[in-house]
Amino acid sequence: MSSDSFKKRKGDLEKKLVTTIIDAYRDGHLDYFAMKRAAKYILDTIDYAQNEQHLAFMLKQLTDQSPVFKNLLLVESEDSVKTREKAVIDRLSQYIKNYPTN
């Protein structure tokens, strides 16, 4: 995954996390202190994420703190798998195109 696409993915994830926190607080699934703890963890952690594994670990930690993040973890995990599959397919396609046929 290129640096630009990872930055975009990280930014998109951050927005989804903020939305999840706000919705969970509004709906009564997170109290004020749990919301504050989750927001602090996200702000302290997301900028240091260097790759998909770091983002997955962060989401897992959040899900361990509160189950309101579980759906997001599942969706993001599926997206991550699809992204890796596409990268492998692209590399294989490029290899096949460049394979000498004598």
Protein backbone atom coordinates (compact mmCIF):
# COMPACT_ATOMS: atom_id res chain seq x y z
CA MET A 1 0.00 0.00 0.00
CA SER A 2 1.43 3.36 -0.96
CA SER A 3 2.14 6.02 1.62
CA ASP A 4 -0.60 8.30 0.29
CA SER A 5 -3.25 5.58 0.29
CA PHE A 6 -2.25 4.56 3.82
CA LYS A 7 -2.54 8.17 5.01
CA LYS A 8 -5.99 8.39 3.41
CA ARG A 9 -7.03 5.10 5.00
CA LYS A 10 -5.76 6.27 8.38
CA GLY A 11 -7.65 9.56 8.04
CA ASP A 12 -10.83 7.73 7.04
CA LEU A 13 -10.47 5.39 10.01
CA GLU A 14 -9.98 8.33 12.36
CA LYS A 15 -13.24 9.88 11.11
CA LYS A 16 -15.07 6.58 11.56
CA LEU A 17 -13.70 6.24 15.09
CA VAL A 18 -14.84 9.74 16.02
CA THR A 19 -18.29 9.06 14.58
CA THR A 20 -18.47 5.77 16.48
CA ILE A 21 -17.55 7.48 19.75
CA ILE A 22 -20.07 10.27 19.27
CA ASP A 23 -22.86 7.89 18.28
CA ALA A 24 -22.13 5.52 21.16
CA TYR A 25 -22.10 8.38 23.67
CA ARG A 26 -25.30 9.87 22.26
CA ASP A 27 -27.04 6.48 22.34
CA GLY A 28 -25.88 5.77 25.90
CA HIS A 29 -23.50 2.94 25.01
CA LEU A 30 -20.48 4.88 26.31
CA ASP A 31 -20.45 7.02 29.41
CA TYR A 32 -18.48 10.26 29.56
CA PHE A 33 -15.37 8.67 31.07
CA ALA A 34 -15.28 5.76 28.61
CA MET A 35 -15.72 8.23 25.74
CA LYS A 36 -12.89 10.38 27.06
CA ARG A 37 -10.61 7.34 27.54
CA ALA A 38 -11.30 6.09 24.00
CA ALA A 39 -10.77 9.54 22.46
CA LYS A 40 -7.49 9.98 24.34
CA TYR A 41 -6.28 6.56 23.23
CA ILE A 42 -7.12 7.33 19.59
CA LEU A 43 -5.44 10.74 19.68
CA ASP A 44 -2.37 9.34 21.43
CA THR A 45 -2.06 6.37 19.08
CA ILE A 46 -3.27 7.02 15.54
CA ASP A 47 -0.49 9.40 14.50
CA TYR A 48 2.12 6.76 15.34
CA ALA A 49 0.49 4.03 13.24
CA GLN A 50 2.92 3.19 10.45
CA ASN A 51 1.07 0.36 8.73
CA GLU A 52 -2.09 -1.74 8.59
CA GLN A 53 -0.93 -3.94 11.47
CA HIS A 54 -0.63 -0.92 13.77
CA LEU A 55 -4.15 0.20 12.85
CA ALA A 56 -5.50 -3.32 13.41
CA PHE A 57 -3.79 -3.49 16.81
CA MET A 58 -5.23 -0.10 17.77
CA LEU A 59 -8.73 -1.20 16.78
CA LYS A 60 -8.33 -4.44 18.72
CA GLN A 61 -7.26 -2.49 21.81
CA LEU A 62 -10.29 -0.21 21.46
CA THR A 63 -12.61 -3.20 21.06
CA ASP A 64 -11.10 -4.72 24.21
CA GLN A 65 -11.89 -1.46 26.05
CA SER A 66 -15.45 -1.23 24.73
CA PRO A 67 -17.56 -3.44 22.47
CA VAL A 68 -18.96 -0.40 20.60
CA PHE A 69 -15.92 -0.63 18.31
CA LYS A 70 -16.46 -4.29 17.38
CA ASN A 71 -18.45 -3.63 14.19
CA LEU A 72 -15.84 -1.15 13.02
CA LEU A 73 -13.09 -3.69 13.75
CA LEU A 74 -14.88 -6.31 11.66
CA VAL A 75 -15.50 -3.95 8.73
CA GLU A 76 -11.94 -2.59 8.77
CA SER A 77 -10.47 -6.09 9.03
CA GLU A 78 -12.44 -7.14 5.97
CA ASP A 79 -11.33 -4.02 4.08
CA SER A 80 -7.73 -4.71 5.04
CA VAL A 81 -7.94 -8.27 3.71
CA LYS A 82 -9.46 -7.01 0.46
CA THR A 83 -6.68 -4.42 0.11
CA ARG A 84 -3.99 -7.06 0.63
CA GLU A 85 -5.70 -9.43 -1.81
CA LYS A 86 -5.82 -6.69 -4.45
CA ALA A 87 -2.13 -5.94 -3.94
CA VAL A 88 -1.23 -9.61 -4.40
CA ILE A 89 -3.41 -9.89 -7.50
CA ASP A 90 -1.83 -6.74 -8.94
CA ARG A 91 1.69 -8.05 -8.31
CA LEU A 92 0.85 -11.43 -9.84
CA SER A 93 -0.74 -9.77 -12.86
CA GLN A 94 2.36 -7.64 -13.36
CA TYR A 95 4.58 -10.69 -13.01
CA ILE A 96 2.53 -12.63 -15.54
CA LYS A 97 2.60 -9.73 -18.01
CA ASN A 98 6.37 -9.47 -17.72
CA TYR A 99 7.08 -13.21 -17.74
CA PRO A 100 9.13 -14.12 -20.79
CA THR A 101 7.37 -16.47 -23.18
CA ASN A 102 9.90 -18.31 -25.32
